């Protein structure tokens, strides 16, 4: 498959939104001076790479091969079932698949409804609601996976994902709300195929303002339909979660609430594709190239190779959380790589009504557990239906605190994130003996390892039970011998007195971070005392014998260390062994002690006796 570059005609700015009304059969005009400019294409100078998709085939499933730890070879995004505009009624009691649960009400689906966007491009949606009812709030599912229904949950979610197929009715697209549940609780679910997905026209966009502007228009289209009460929400996990921030930042007038489930990253460059300034594109490449469609799809992985520094293109992939003001209910999780949700979107969001729940489950198992679905409905009932159900008394933050080898705690209440009572404690690296000390280390020392295959570990033993919840930060002083740059990967894990890693549920082995030495300069406007944020705007190569500080952000964790257990910090050239492509050579030298204040900063909190 060859990549074809597309130089768009520049951004065309819409002065007025005119949308085809789809089911209503008439035009809907949405006007207003407060409406933001809505681009229809990327500026030509960005020279964005698009690739022609493989053709659609009816009945074909979109499945990915293994992409790394924790990702199943059987993960599928659904089967494309063809284009067929019509009305379908699913009768109460219908069991769509052998293992799925029966429907609790009659559900009407308007299939392949056309929505015409500001530039004339037509995209398609399925609208599902309780039969014979209108003036209902609507929940949009916006993402790149086929909207074709029904989908067999046993086929979409392999057993190791922890999703009980009996939780679902078969009327859920991948990562989206189950319309079989929501319709029977008085909601309309609108599953949208955005630009370039399945038969929707145009080229598929990968987040950013063009995709968000399309979402803005669809929110307003939904609100204008005769079956809508004018209140619109967005819900879904992973990709379907991330896009919610971008749409909400444009402030569609009728967007009333969002509920992003796990993996809600807000910065595609920093949080995923170029994490730490190091190429991290394998999952993205596999994901996009496993999809099918009529037209082309954007290739951020190729752009990361062509444009590896922060620029206007990558800034367009950052959700402006200062403009996200709608009520939010977020779900986060701890982990490495694709399992981790970078939860800074919560504290950066401008919304006054925001809630965060951190789960100890995997993304989809947590999303579809009945008690969690009911919890999300309470949130939407409050903000889309105006039900006075006491939702505001829900703790602002509910935590999972993992205790591998012991008993995890879930739904631990807190008032904010990061936790208000956090004590940021520094434990200092001692390169001479591979330990971490609660006090600065005296004489300077150094330790080195082969930059390609080696590593160094530093161990700290807790003398009392200690809860570490929040963001970790590592300050390293490094030198690269026989090279002018280096990639540094770090992990933080819990070990027993025997030195063996103690795993938590779902294979959680700890947390980590990474940084390329030449990309060490920080963005002063975004960085905090607990979260260093590199600017990634320039490369600063190292000279022979030069020792420089690296401030490495480590994904948040929530872990209990018991007295006698150890924290193990590992610094290596490639901790993940093959999931990335670090360009290391020579030896890495770590300096600590004396004038080199090398330390790991850990967030210690008091959670009460347990």
Protein backbone atom coordinates (compact mmCIF):
# COMPACT_ATOMS: atom_id res chain seq x y z
CA UNK A 1 0.00 0.00 0.00
CA UNK A 2 1.66 3.24 -1.03
CA UNK A 3 1.12 6.55 0.67
CA UNK A 4 -0.14 9.44 -1.43
CA UNK A 5 0.38 12.90 -0.06
CA UNK A 6 -2.50 15.28 -0.09
CA UNK A 7 -1.98 19.00 -0.06
CA UNK A 8 -5.38 20.38 0.85
CA UNK A 9 -6.74 23.61 -0.62
CA UNK A 10 -6.24 25.29 2.72
CA UNK A 11 -8.81 25.92 5.38
CA UNK A 12 -12.17 27.06 4.05
CA UNK A 13 -14.01 28.88 6.78
CA UNK A 14 -17.74 28.29 7.03
CA UNK A 15 -19.73 31.42 7.84
CA UNK A 16 -22.97 29.52 8.26
CA UNK A 17 -23.77 25.87 8.88
CA UNK A 18 -26.27 24.30 6.50
CA UNK A 19 -27.01 20.65 7.17
CA UNK A 20 -29.26 18.14 5.49
CA UNK A 21 -31.87 17.18 8.04
CA UNK A 22 -31.70 13.48 7.22
CA UNK A 23 -34.79 11.89 8.74
CA UNK A 24 -36.68 15.17 8.76
CA UNK A 25 -36.16 15.62 5.03
CA UNK A 26 -35.61 19.39 5.23
CA UNK A 27 -32.67 21.73 5.64
CA UNK A 28 -31.63 22.95 9.07
CA UNK A 29 -29.66 26.18 9.36
CA UNK A 30 -27.61 26.73 12.49
CA UNK A 31 -26.46 30.30 12.81
CA UNK A 32 -24.91 32.36 15.55
CA UNK A 33 -22.18 34.92 16.02
CA UNK A 34 -20.47 32.78 18.69
CA UNK A 35 -19.93 29.87 16.31
CA UNK A 36 -16.22 29.14 15.72
CA UNK A 37 -14.68 29.05 12.28
CA UNK A 38 -14.96 25.48 11.03
CA UNK A 39 -12.22 24.36 8.62
CA UNK A 40 -12.94 21.73 5.98
CA UNK A 41 -9.35 20.80 5.14
CA UNK A 42 -5.83 21.10 6.47
CA UNK A 43 -3.68 23.99 5.25
CA UNK A 44 -1.71 23.02 2.15
CA UNK A 45 1.61 23.85 3.81
CA UNK A 46 1.10 21.04 6.32
CA UNK A 47 1.50 18.57 3.45
CA UNK A 48 -0.51 15.91 5.29
CA UNK A 49 -0.09 12.30 4.19
CA UNK A 50 -3.21 10.36 3.27
CA UNK A 51 -3.33 6.74 2.05
CA UNK A 52 -5.98 4.99 -0.03
CA UNK A 53 -7.89 2.45 2.04
CA UNK A 54 -8.40 -1.13 0.99
CA UNK A 55 -11.89 -1.56 -0.49
CA UNK A 56 -14.94 -2.44 1.59
CA UNK A 57 -16.27 -5.96 1.51
CA UNK A 58 -19.67 -6.82 2.94
CA UNK A 59 -19.32 -9.26 5.83
CA UNK A 60 -15.62 -8.53 6.28
CA UNK A 61 -14.37 -7.97 9.81
CA UNK A 62 -11.73 -5.44 10.71
CA UNK A 63 -9.26 -7.26 12.98
CA UNK A 64 -5.72 -6.46 14.03
CA UNK A 65 -2.68 -8.70 14.57
CA UNK A 66 -0.80 -8.55 17.89
CA UNK A 67 0.71 -5.11 18.54
CA UNK A 68 2.36 -5.56 21.91
CA UNK A 69 1.79 -6.47 25.56
CA UNK A 70 -1.85 -6.57 26.61
CA UNK A 71 -3.30 -6.40 23.09
CA UNK A 72 -5.11 -9.48 21.82
CA UNK A 73 -4.54 -10.92 18.38
CA UNK A 74 -8.30 -11.44 18.18
CA UNK A 75 -9.38 -7.85 18.79
CA UNK A 76 -11.86 -6.85 16.10
CA UNK A 77 -13.73 -3.65 15.34
CA UNK A 78 -16.87 -5.16 13.87
CA UNK A 79 -18.10 -6.45 10.52
CA UNK A 80 -19.23 -4.19 7.70
CA UNK A 81 -22.78 -5.29 6.86
CA UNK A 82 -23.46 -3.16 3.78
CA UNK A 83 -25.20 0.09 2.85
CA UNK A 84 -28.99 -0.10 3.02
CA UNK A 85 -30.99 2.99 4.06
CA UNK A 86 -34.17 1.75 5.75
CA UNK A 87 -36.12 1.56 8.99
CA UNK A 88 -35.80 -1.54 11.18
CA UNK A 89 -37.74 -2.42 14.31
CA UNK A 90 -36.23 -4.86 16.79
CA UNK A 91 -38.97 -6.37 18.95
CA UNK A 92 -38.83 -6.59 22.72
CA UNK A 93 -37.48 -9.95 23.81
CA UNK A 94 -35.35 -10.44 20.69
CA UNK A 95 -32.01 -12.13 21.35
CA UNK A 96 -29.78 -11.07 18.48
CA UNK A 97 -26.96 -13.52 19.29
CA UNK A 98 -26.81 -16.72 21.29
CA UNK A 99 -24.84 -15.25 24.20
CA UNK A 100 -26.20 -11.68 24.16
CA UNK A 101 -29.05 -10.55 26.37
CA UNK A 102 -32.55 -10.00 24.99
CA UNK A 103 -33.95 -6.55 24.29
CA UNK A 104 -36.05 -4.93 27.02
CA UNK A 105 -38.17 -2.83 24.66
CA UNK A 106 -39.07 -2.33 21.01
CA UNK A 107 -36.24 -0.42 19.31
CA UNK A 108 -36.48 1.47 16.03
CA UNK A 109 -33.35 1.96 13.94
CA UNK A 110 -33.16 4.42 11.04
CA UNK A 111 -30.21 3.02 9.13
CA UNK A 112 -27.75 4.91 6.93
CA UNK A 113 -29.19 8.36 7.46
CA UNK A 114 -27.33 10.99 5.40
CA UNK A 115 -25.91 14.12 7.05
CA UNK A 116 -24.51 16.74 4.68
CA UNK A 117 -21.63 18.74 6.10
CA UNK A 118 -20.62 22.34 5.41
CA UNK A 119 -18.53 21.44 2.35
CA UNK A 120 -21.17 19.18 0.78
CA UNK A 121 -19.60 15.93 2.02
CA UNK A 122 -22.19 13.34 3.06
CA UNK A 123 -21.57 11.14 6.08
CA UNK A 124 -23.91 8.49 7.42
CA UNK A 125 -25.41 7.64 10.79
CA UNK A 126 -27.67 5.04 12.36
CA UNK A 127 -30.29 6.42 14.74
CA UNK A 128 -31.67 4.05 17.40
CA UNK A 129 -34.44 4.97 19.82
CA UNK A 130 -37.37 3.39 21.64
CA UNK A 131 -40.10 2.74 19.08
CA UNK A 132 -42.81 5.39 18.96
CA UNK A 133 -41.02 7.87 21.24
CA UNK A 134 -39.51 11.24 20.43
CA UNK A 135 -38.29 14.40 22.15
CA UNK A 136 -35.56 12.35 23.82
CA UNK A 137 -31.97 13.27 24.68
CA UNK A 138 -29.40 11.84 22.30
CA UNK A 139 -25.99 10.25 22.80
CA UNK A 140 -23.54 10.33 19.88
CA UNK A 141 -20.88 7.68 19.29
CA UNK A 142 -18.21 9.23 17.05
CA UNK A 143 -15.37 7.04 15.84
CA UNK A 144 -13.64 5.28 12.94
CA UNK A 145 -15.05 1.78 13.48
CA UNK A 146 -17.94 0.54 11.41
CA UNK A 147 -21.38 1.49 12.70
CA UNK A 148 -22.92 -1.62 11.11
CA UNK A 149 -25.32 -3.38 13.48
CA UNK A 150 -25.93 -5.84 14.94
CA UNK A 151 -22.47 -6.97 16.13
CA UNK A 152 -21.84 -10.21 18.04
CA UNK A 153 -20.14 -9.24 21.33
CA UNK A 154 -18.51 -12.68 21.60
CA UNK A 155 -16.76 -12.06 18.28
CA UNK A 156 -15.83 -8.42 18.93
CA UNK A 157 -14.48 -8.90 22.46
CA UNK A 158 -12.35 -12.03 23.05
CA UNK A 159 -12.67 -13.70 26.47
CA UNK A 160 -9.38 -12.29 27.74
CA UNK A 161 -10.86 -8.79 27.46
CA UNK A 162 -13.17 -9.61 30.35
CA UNK A 163 -16.40 -8.57 28.60
CA UNK A 164 -19.32 -10.84 29.42
CA UNK A 165 -21.34 -11.06 26.17
CA UNK A 166 -24.45 -11.27 28.33
CA UNK A 167 -23.92 -7.64 29.29
CA UNK A 168 -24.59 -6.55 25.70
CA UNK A 169 -27.54 -6.83 23.32
CA UNK A 170 -25.63 -6.76 20.03
CA UNK A 171 -26.68 -3.18 19.28
CA UNK A 172 -23.32 -1.67 20.21
CA UNK A 173 -20.65 -0.68 17.72
CA UNK A 174 -17.08 -1.17 18.94
CA UNK A 175 -16.34 0.94 22.04
CA UNK A 176 -19.74 2.64 21.79
CA UNK A 177 -22.76 2.72 24.11
CA UNK A 178 -25.12 -0.23 23.74
CA UNK A 179 -28.27 1.16 22.13
CA UNK A 180 -30.15 -1.88 23.40
CA UNK A 181 -29.65 -0.52 26.91
CA UNK A 182 -29.83 3.22 26.33
CA UNK A 183 -32.91 3.24 24.11
CA UNK A 184 -34.85 1.27 26.71
CA UNK A 185 -33.91 3.93 29.27
CA UNK A 186 -35.26 6.81 27.21
CA UNK A 187 -32.34 7.84 25.00
CA UNK A 188 -31.63 8.07 21.29
CA UNK A 189 -28.25 6.69 20.26
CA UNK A 190 -26.67 8.14 17.11
CA UNK A 191 -23.83 6.03 15.72
CA UNK A 192 -21.86 8.06 13.19
CA UNK A 193 -19.39 6.99 10.52
CA UNK A 194 -17.22 10.14 10.22
CA UNK A 195 -15.53 11.21 7.00
CA UNK A 196 -13.99 8.34 5.10
CA UNK A 197 -15.36 5.59 7.34
CA UNK A 198 -17.27 2.86 5.49
CA UNK A 199 -19.30 4.67 2.79
CA UNK A 200 -19.14 8.14 4.34
CA UNK A 201 -17.63 10.51 1.81
CA UNK A 202 -14.35 12.38 2.16
CA UNK A 203 -11.02 11.40 3.65
CA UNK A 204 -10.81 10.11 7.22
CA UNK A 205 -9.36 12.62 9.66
CA UNK A 206 -7.30 11.61 12.68
CA UNK A 207 -8.54 13.97 15.41
CA UNK A 208 -7.89 17.70 15.00
CA UNK A 209 -10.14 20.63 14.10
CA UNK A 210 -11.55 19.28 10.81
CA UNK A 211 -12.84 16.14 12.52
CA UNK A 212 -13.97 18.15 15.56
CA UNK A 213 -15.77 20.64 13.29
CA UNK A 214 -17.66 17.76 11.70
CA UNK A 215 -18.59 16.62 15.19
CA UNK A 216 -19.78 20.13 16.03
CA UNK A 217 -22.09 20.08 13.03
CA UNK A 218 -23.48 16.66 13.84
CA UNK A 219 -24.22 17.70 17.45
CA UNK A 220 -26.25 20.62 16.11
CA UNK A 221 -27.93 18.43 13.48
CA UNK A 222 -28.99 15.94 16.14
CA UNK A 223 -30.37 18.69 18.37
CA UNK A 224 -32.54 19.99 15.52
CA UNK A 225 -34.23 16.66 14.76
CA UNK A 226 -37.91 16.13 15.66
CA UNK A 227 -37.03 13.14 17.87
CA UNK A 228 -34.57 15.23 19.95
CA UNK A 229 -35.19 17.22 23.12
CA UNK A 230 -32.25 19.47 22.18
CA UNK A 231 -29.84 17.93 24.69
CA UNK A 232 -26.90 16.02 23.22
CA UNK A 233 -24.15 13.99 24.86
CA UNK A 234 -21.17 12.04 23.53
CA UNK A 235 -19.99 8.73 24.98
CA UNK A 236 -17.56 5.92 24.21
CA UNK A 237 -14.12 4.59 25.09
CA UNK A 238 -10.58 4.81 23.73
CA UNK A 239 -10.71 6.56 20.31
CA UNK A 240 -14.38 7.33 20.93
CA UNK A 241 -13.29 8.94 24.20
CA UNK A 242 -10.39 11.02 22.91
CA UNK A 243 -12.41 12.71 20.19
CA UNK A 244 -14.90 14.03 22.74
CA UNK A 245 -12.42 16.58 24.07
CA UNK A 246 -11.76 17.98 20.61
CA UNK A 247 -15.46 18.36 19.82
CA UNK A 248 -16.27 19.80 23.25
CA UNK A 249 -13.46 22.39 22.89
CA UNK A 250 -15.40 23.92 19.97
CA UNK A 251 -18.39 24.37 22.29
CA UNK A 252 -21.34 23.21 20.19
CA UNK A 253 -24.34 25.08 21.68
CA UNK A 254 -26.41 21.91 22.18
CA UNK A 255 -23.66 19.71 23.60
CA UNK A 256 -24.77 19.18 27.20
CA UNK A 257 -22.34 16.55 28.57
CA UNK A 258 -19.56 14.14 27.62
CA UNK A 259 -18.49 10.81 29.12
CA UNK A 260 -15.06 9.71 27.86
CA UNK A 261 -14.17 6.22 29.06
CA UNK A 262 -10.62 4.84 29.32
CA UNK A 263 -7.62 6.02 27.31
CA UNK A 264 -8.70 9.63 27.04
CA UNK A 265 -5.43 11.16 25.87
CA UNK A 266 -5.60 14.81 24.88
CA UNK A 267 -2.31 15.21 22.97
CA UNK A 268 -1.72 12.69 20.18
CA UNK A 269 1.95 13.61 19.80
CA UNK A 270 3.04 13.71 23.46
CA UNK A 271 0.76 11.01 24.83
CA UNK A 272 1.03 8.43 22.09
CA UNK A 273 2.82 8.73 18.73
CA UNK A 274 5.97 10.55 19.86
CA UNK A 275 5.89 9.89 23.57
CA UNK A 276 9.07 11.25 25.07
CA UNK A 277 10.10 12.40 21.59
CA UNK A 278 10.56 8.75 20.58
CA UNK A 279 8.63 7.13 17.74
CA UNK A 280 5.79 5.04 19.17
CA UNK A 281 3.66 4.46 16.09
CA UNK A 282 3.26 0.72 15.70
CA UNK A 283 -0.21 0.47 17.24
CA UNK A 284 -1.43 3.46 15.26
CA UNK A 285 -0.14 2.01 12.00
CA UNK A 286 -1.73 -1.38 12.61
CA UNK A 287 -4.97 0.25 13.71
CA UNK A 288 -5.45 2.49 10.69
CA UNK A 289 -4.32 -0.06 8.13
CA UNK A 290 -6.68 -2.72 9.46
CA UNK A 291 -9.67 -0.52 8.58
CA UNK A 292 -11.51 -0.42 5.27
CA UNK A 293 -13.34 2.35 3.45
CA UNK A 294 -14.13 4.07 0.18
CA UNK A 295 -11.54 6.82 0.30
CA UNK A 296 -8.28 7.75 1.98
CA UNK A 297 -7.24 7.88 5.63
CA UNK A 298 -4.85 10.24 7.34
CA UNK A 299 -1.49 8.74 8.34
CA UNK A 300 -0.19 10.36 11.56
CA UNK A 301 2.39 7.58 11.85
CA UNK A 302 3.92 8.68 8.56
CA UNK A 303 3.69 12.31 9.65
CA UNK A 304 5.61 11.42 12.83
CA UNK A 305 8.45 10.19 10.64
CA UNK A 306 8.30 13.15 8.27
CA UNK A 307 7.68 15.83 10.90
CA UNK A 308 9.13 14.56 14.19
CA UNK A 309 9.11 17.92 16.01
CA UNK A 310 6.14 19.76 17.46
CA UNK A 311 4.60 22.06 14.85
CA UNK A 312 1.23 23.42 13.72
CA UNK A 313 0.10 20.00 12.48
CA UNK A 314 0.69 18.37 15.87
CA UNK A 315 -0.75 21.35 17.75
CA UNK A 316 -3.97 20.71 15.83
CA UNK A 317 -4.04 17.26 17.51
CA UNK A 318 -4.04 18.77 21.01
CA UNK A 319 -7.44 19.30 22.59
CA UNK A 320 -7.70 22.77 24.14
CA UNK A 321 -8.94 21.74 27.57
CA UNK A 322 -9.26 25.38 28.66
CA UNK A 323 -12.29 25.54 26.35
CA UNK A 324 -13.93 22.33 27.57
CA UNK A 325 -16.66 23.58 29.87
CA UNK A 326 -19.47 21.03 29.59
CA UNK A 327 -20.11 18.55 32.41
CA UNK A 328 -17.77 15.56 32.13
CA UNK A 329 -17.63 12.08 33.56
CA UNK A 330 -14.23 10.56 32.81
CA UNK A 331 -12.93 7.06 33.42
CA UNK A 332 -9.20 6.47 33.63
CA UNK A 333 -6.86 3.56 34.22
CA UNK A 334 -3.27 2.86 35.18
CA UNK A 335 -0.77 1.04 33.02
CA UNK A 336 1.93 1.08 30.40
CA UNK A 337 1.50 2.02 26.76
CA UNK A 338 -1.99 1.46 25.33
CA UNK A 339 -3.43 0.58 28.73
CA UNK A 340 -2.59 3.93 30.31
CA UNK A 341 -4.85 6.95 30.23
CA UNK A 342 -2.96 10.21 30.67
CA UNK A 343 -5.41 11.80 33.09
CA UNK A 344 -4.15 15.38 32.94
CA UNK A 345 -7.20 16.16 30.79
CA UNK A 346 -9.20 16.11 34.00
CA UNK A 347 -7.31 18.78 35.91
CA UNK A 348 -6.70 20.89 32.80
CA UNK A 349 -10.38 21.00 31.78
CA UNK A 350 -12.24 24.23 32.49
CA UNK A 351 -15.47 22.45 33.40
CA UNK A 352 -16.76 23.12 36.90
CA UNK A 353 -18.84 19.96 36.81
CA UNK A 354 -16.40 17.13 36.24
CA UNK A 355 -15.97 13.69 37.72
CA UNK A 356 -13.21 11.10 37.45
CA UNK A 357 -13.35 7.41 38.24
CA UNK A 358 -10.11 5.40 37.99
CA UNK A 359 -10.75 1.73 37.36
CA UNK A 360 -8.80 -1.42 38.14
CA UNK A 361 -10.35 -3.13 35.12
CA UNK A 362 -9.48 -3.16 31.42
CA UNK A 363 -11.09 -0.58 29.16
CA UNK A 364 -13.98 -2.57 27.71
CA UNK A 365 -14.69 -4.73 30.76
CA UNK A 366 -15.10 -1.58 32.81
CA UNK A 367 -17.14 0.21 30.15
CA UNK A 368 -19.78 -2.49 29.80
CA UNK A 369 -20.07 -3.77 33.40
CA UNK A 370 -23.76 -3.26 34.25
CA UNK A 371 -23.11 -1.25 37.42
CA UNK A 372 -20.82 1.12 35.50
CA UNK A 373 -23.34 1.56 32.69
CA UNK A 374 -25.97 2.42 35.29
CA UNK A 375 -23.56 4.90 36.87
CA UNK A 376 -22.97 6.63 33.53
CA UNK A 377 -26.73 6.79 32.97
CA UNK A 378 -27.17 8.64 36.28
CA UNK A 379 -24.72 11.25 34.97
CA UNK A 380 -26.53 11.64 31.65
CA UNK A 381 -29.94 11.58 33.36
CA UNK A 382 -28.82 14.61 35.34
CA UNK A 383 -27.45 16.67 32.46
CA UNK A 384 -29.44 15.47 29.45
CA UNK A 385 -32.80 14.92 31.14
CA UNK A 386 -32.56 17.31 34.06
CA UNK A 387 -33.37 14.57 36.58
CA UNK A 388 -32.71 15.67 40.17
CA UNK A 389 -31.07 12.40 41.15
CA UNK A 390 -28.35 13.61 43.50
CA UNK A 391 -25.53 13.06 41.00
CA UNK A 392 -23.73 16.14 42.28
CA UNK A 393 -23.16 14.31 45.58
CA UNK A 394 -21.06 11.71 43.75
CA UNK A 395 -17.42 12.03 44.93
CA UNK A 396 -15.53 14.21 42.48
CA UNK A 397 -12.88 11.48 42.20
CA UNK A 398 -13.18 7.76 42.85
CA UNK A 399 -9.89 5.87 42.90
CA UNK A 400 -8.66 2.36 42.41
CA UNK A 401 -5.66 1.68 44.65
CA UNK A 402 -3.92 -1.50 43.55
CA UNK A 403 -2.30 -3.79 46.10
CA UNK A 404 -0.65 -6.63 44.19
CA UNK A 405 -0.29 -9.54 46.55
CA UNK A 406 -3.05 -8.09 48.72
CA UNK A 407 -6.55 -6.72 48.17
CA UNK A 408 -7.19 -3.84 45.76
CA UNK A 409 -9.38 -0.96 46.89
CA UNK A 410 -11.89 0.54 44.46
CA UNK A 411 -14.09 3.64 44.51
CA UNK A 412 -11.94 5.31 47.15
CA UNK A 413 -13.42 8.83 47.34
CA UNK A 414 -11.30 11.95 46.85
CA UNK A 415 -12.02 15.62 46.26
CA UNK A 416 -9.69 16.27 43.31
CA UNK A 417 -7.03 14.89 40.99
CA UNK A 418 -4.16 14.95 41.71
CA UNK A 419 -5.20 14.27 45.31
CA UNK A 420 -5.26 17.37 47.48
CA UNK A 421 -3.29 15.76 50.31
CA UNK A 422 -0.44 14.53 48.11
CA UNK A 423 3.05 14.74 49.60
CA UNK A 424 5.62 14.69 46.81
CA UNK A 425 8.54 12.78 48.27
CA UNK A 426 11.95 12.60 46.61
CA UNK A 427 14.01 9.45 46.85
CA UNK A 428 17.53 9.88 45.52
CA UNK A 429 19.49 7.64 43.18
CA UNK A 430 22.75 6.18 44.45
CA UNK A 431 24.62 5.03 41.37
CA UNK A 432 27.34 3.38 43.41
CA UNK A 433 25.14 0.68 44.93
CA UNK A 434 21.89 0.75 42.91
CA UNK A 435 19.63 2.00 45.66
CA UNK A 436 17.24 4.87 46.27
CA UNK A 437 17.70 6.90 49.43
CA UNK A 438 15.25 9.14 51.31
CA UNK A 439 18.03 11.73 51.65
CA UNK A 440 20.42 13.28 49.13
CA UNK A 441 23.42 11.08 48.44
CA UNK A 442 26.90 12.33 49.31
CA UNK A 443 29.78 11.86 46.87
CA UNK A 444 28.93 11.78 43.20
CA UNK A 445 29.09 8.42 41.46
CA UNK A 446 28.10 6.97 38.10
CA UNK A 447 26.80 3.77 36.55
CA UNK A 448 26.57 2.81 32.91
CA UNK A 449 24.95 0.24 30.65
CA UNK A 450 25.00 -0.76 27.00
CA UNK A 451 22.63 1.67 25.27
CA UNK A 452 21.05 -1.03 23.15
CA UNK A 453 20.74 -4.02 25.45
CA UNK A 454 21.58 -2.96 28.98
CA UNK A 455 19.83 -1.48 31.99
CA UNK A 456 20.37 -0.26 35.54
CA UNK A 457 18.05 -0.79 38.47
CA UNK A 458 17.61 1.18 41.67
CA UNK A 459 15.74 -0.24 44.64
CA UNK A 460 13.93 1.40 47.54
CA UNK A 461 12.53 -0.63 50.44
CA UNK A 462 9.51 0.76 52.30
CA UNK A 463 9.70 0.56 56.07
CA UNK A 464 5.96 1.15 56.46
CA UNK A 465 2.78 0.73 54.42
CA UNK A 466 2.75 3.52 51.82
CA UNK A 467 0.16 4.50 49.21
CA UNK A 468 1.62 6.03 46.04
CA UNK A 469 -1.18 7.65 44.03
CA UNK A 470 -0.71 10.16 41.22
CA UNK A 471 2.08 11.33 38.94
CA UNK A 472 5.71 10.29 39.33
CA UNK A 473 8.64 12.33 38.08
CA UNK A 474 12.21 11.21 37.45
CA UNK A 475 15.19 13.56 37.36
CA UNK A 476 18.20 11.91 35.73
CA UNK A 477 21.64 13.28 34.99
CA UNK A 478 22.94 11.46 31.93
CA UNK A 479 25.86 11.25 29.55
CA UNK A 480 25.94 9.33 26.26
CA UNK A 481 29.34 7.82 25.54
CA UNK A 482 30.28 7.30 21.88
CA UNK A 483 27.01 8.91 20.69
CA UNK A 484 25.34 12.32 20.58
CA UNK A 485 21.84 11.26 21.63
CA UNK A 486 20.03 8.55 23.54
CA UNK A 487 16.59 7.16 24.31
CA UNK A 488 15.91 6.54 27.99
CA UNK A 489 13.08 4.21 29.04
CA UNK A 490 12.08 3.92 32.69
CA UNK A 491 9.71 1.68 34.62
CA UNK A 492 8.57 1.69 38.24
CA UNK A 493 7.44 -1.65 39.63
CA UNK A 494 6.51 -3.26 42.91
CA UNK A 495 8.67 -6.18 44.02
CA UNK A 496 8.77 -8.44 47.03
CA UNK A 497 11.74 -8.84 49.29
CA UNK A 498 12.86 -11.58 46.88
CA UNK A 499 13.14 -9.04 44.06
CA UNK A 500 10.34 -10.56 41.95
CA UNK A 501 7.77 -8.24 40.39
CA UNK A 502 4.33 -8.55 41.98
CA UNK A 503 1.66 -8.20 39.30
CA UNK A 504 -1.77 -6.74 39.87
CA UNK A 505 -4.97 -7.80 38.14
CA UNK A 506 -5.09 -7.74 34.31
CA UNK A 507 -1.31 -8.10 34.17
CA UNK A 508 -0.54 -4.63 35.52
CA UNK A 509 3.19 -4.64 36.23
CA UNK A 510 3.79 -1.00 37.01
CA UNK A 511 4.13 2.32 35.28
CA UNK A 512 6.75 4.07 33.21
CA UNK A 513 7.94 6.88 30.99
CA UNK A 514 10.52 7.71 28.35
CA UNK A 515 12.53 10.59 26.93
CA UNK A 516 15.00 11.22 24.12
CA UNK A 517 17.91 13.18 25.55
CA UNK A 518 18.00 15.71 22.70
CA UNK A 519 14.30 16.51 23.33
CA UNK A 520 14.79 17.39 27.01
CA UNK A 521 13.78 21.08 26.87
CA UNK A 522 10.57 21.66 28.85
CA UNK A 523 7.48 23.68 27.98
CA UNK A 524 7.33 26.10 30.89
CA UNK A 525 3.71 26.99 30.22
CA UNK A 526 2.47 23.40 30.51
CA UNK A 527 4.88 21.85 33.02
CA UNK A 528 4.03 21.59 36.70
CA UNK A 529 6.02 20.50 39.74
CA UNK A 530 4.64 16.98 39.39
CA UNK A 531 4.32 16.74 35.59
CA UNK A 532 7.21 17.84 33.34
CA UNK A 533 6.04 18.47 29.76
CA UNK A 534 8.73 18.66 27.06
CA UNK A 535 8.26 21.23 24.30
CA UNK A 536 9.64 18.95 21.54
CA UNK A 537 10.36 21.98 19.33
CA UNK A 538 14.09 21.51 18.90
CA UNK A 539 16.84 18.93 19.18
CA UNK A 540 19.82 19.58 21.43
CA UNK A 541 22.44 16.94 20.72
CA UNK A 542 25.01 16.10 23.36
CA UNK A 543 28.72 16.72 23.07
CA UNK A 544 31.44 14.34 24.20
CA UNK A 545 31.50 14.17 28.00
CA UNK A 546 28.49 16.49 28.39
CA UNK A 547 26.21 15.66 31.34
CA UNK A 548 22.64 16.95 31.09
CA UNK A 549 19.50 16.71 33.24
CA UNK A 550 16.43 14.82 31.98
CA UNK A 551 13.03 15.38 33.57
CA UNK A 552 10.91 12.36 32.69
CA UNK A 553 7.17 12.20 33.32
CA UNK A 554 5.92 8.81 34.48
CA UNK A 555 2.31 7.83 33.84
CA UNK A 556 0.15 8.06 36.97
CA UNK A 557 -0.30 5.07 39.21
CA UNK A 558 -2.23 4.09 42.31
CA UNK A 559 -0.29 1.46 44.22
CA UNK A 560 0.04 0.32 47.82
CA UNK A 561 3.47 -0.77 48.97
CA UNK A 562 3.49 -2.78 52.18
CA UNK A 563 6.29 -2.61 54.75
CA UNK A 564 9.20 -4.69 53.49
CA UNK A 565 8.17 -4.51 49.84
CA UNK A 566 10.36 -2.72 47.36
CA UNK A 567 10.01 -0.16 44.60
CA UNK A 568 12.22 -0.98 41.67
CA UNK A 569 13.20 1.76 39.22
CA UNK A 570 14.68 0.50 35.96
CA UNK A 571 16.47 2.72 33.46
CA UNK A 572 17.23 1.10 30.11
CA UNK A 573 17.74 1.61 26.39
CA UNK A 574 14.54 -0.23 25.51
CA UNK A 575 12.47 -1.49 28.44
CA UNK A 576 9.70 -2.73 26.15
CA UNK A 577 11.97 -4.87 23.99
CA UNK A 578 10.90 -4.42 20.43
CA UNK A 579 7.67 -2.44 20.69
CA UNK A 580 9.54 0.71 19.68
CA UNK A 581 12.60 1.52 17.59
CA UNK A 582 15.07 3.44 19.75
CA UNK A 583 18.13 4.73 17.95
CA UNK A 584 20.66 4.03 20.67
CA UNK A 585 24.39 3.45 20.39
CA UNK A 586 27.39 3.31 22.71
CA UNK A 587 26.81 3.48 26.45
CA UNK A 588 24.48 5.44 28.68
CA UNK A 589 26.03 6.85 31.83
CA UNK A 590 23.88 7.83 34.83
CA UNK A 591 25.38 10.34 37.26
CA UNK A 592 24.01 10.70 40.79
CA UNK A 593 24.98 12.16 44.14
CA UNK A 594 26.89 15.27 44.99
CA UNK A 595 26.06 18.03 42.52
CA UNK A 596 23.85 15.64 40.51
CA UNK A 597 20.45 15.72 42.22
CA UNK A 598 19.12 12.56 40.55
CA UNK A 599 15.84 11.51 42.17
CA UNK A 600 12.50 9.81 41.71
CA UNK A 601 9.61 11.94 42.98
CA UNK A 602 6.71 9.82 44.23
CA UNK A 603 3.22 11.02 45.24
CA UNK A 604 2.52 9.71 48.75
CA UNK A 605 -1.02 10.00 50.10
CA UNK A 606 -2.87 9.07 53.28
CA UNK A 607 -5.82 6.77 52.61
CA UNK A 608 -6.71 5.69 56.14
CA UNK A 609 -6.15 2.32 57.74
CA UNK A 610 -6.90 -0.83 55.82
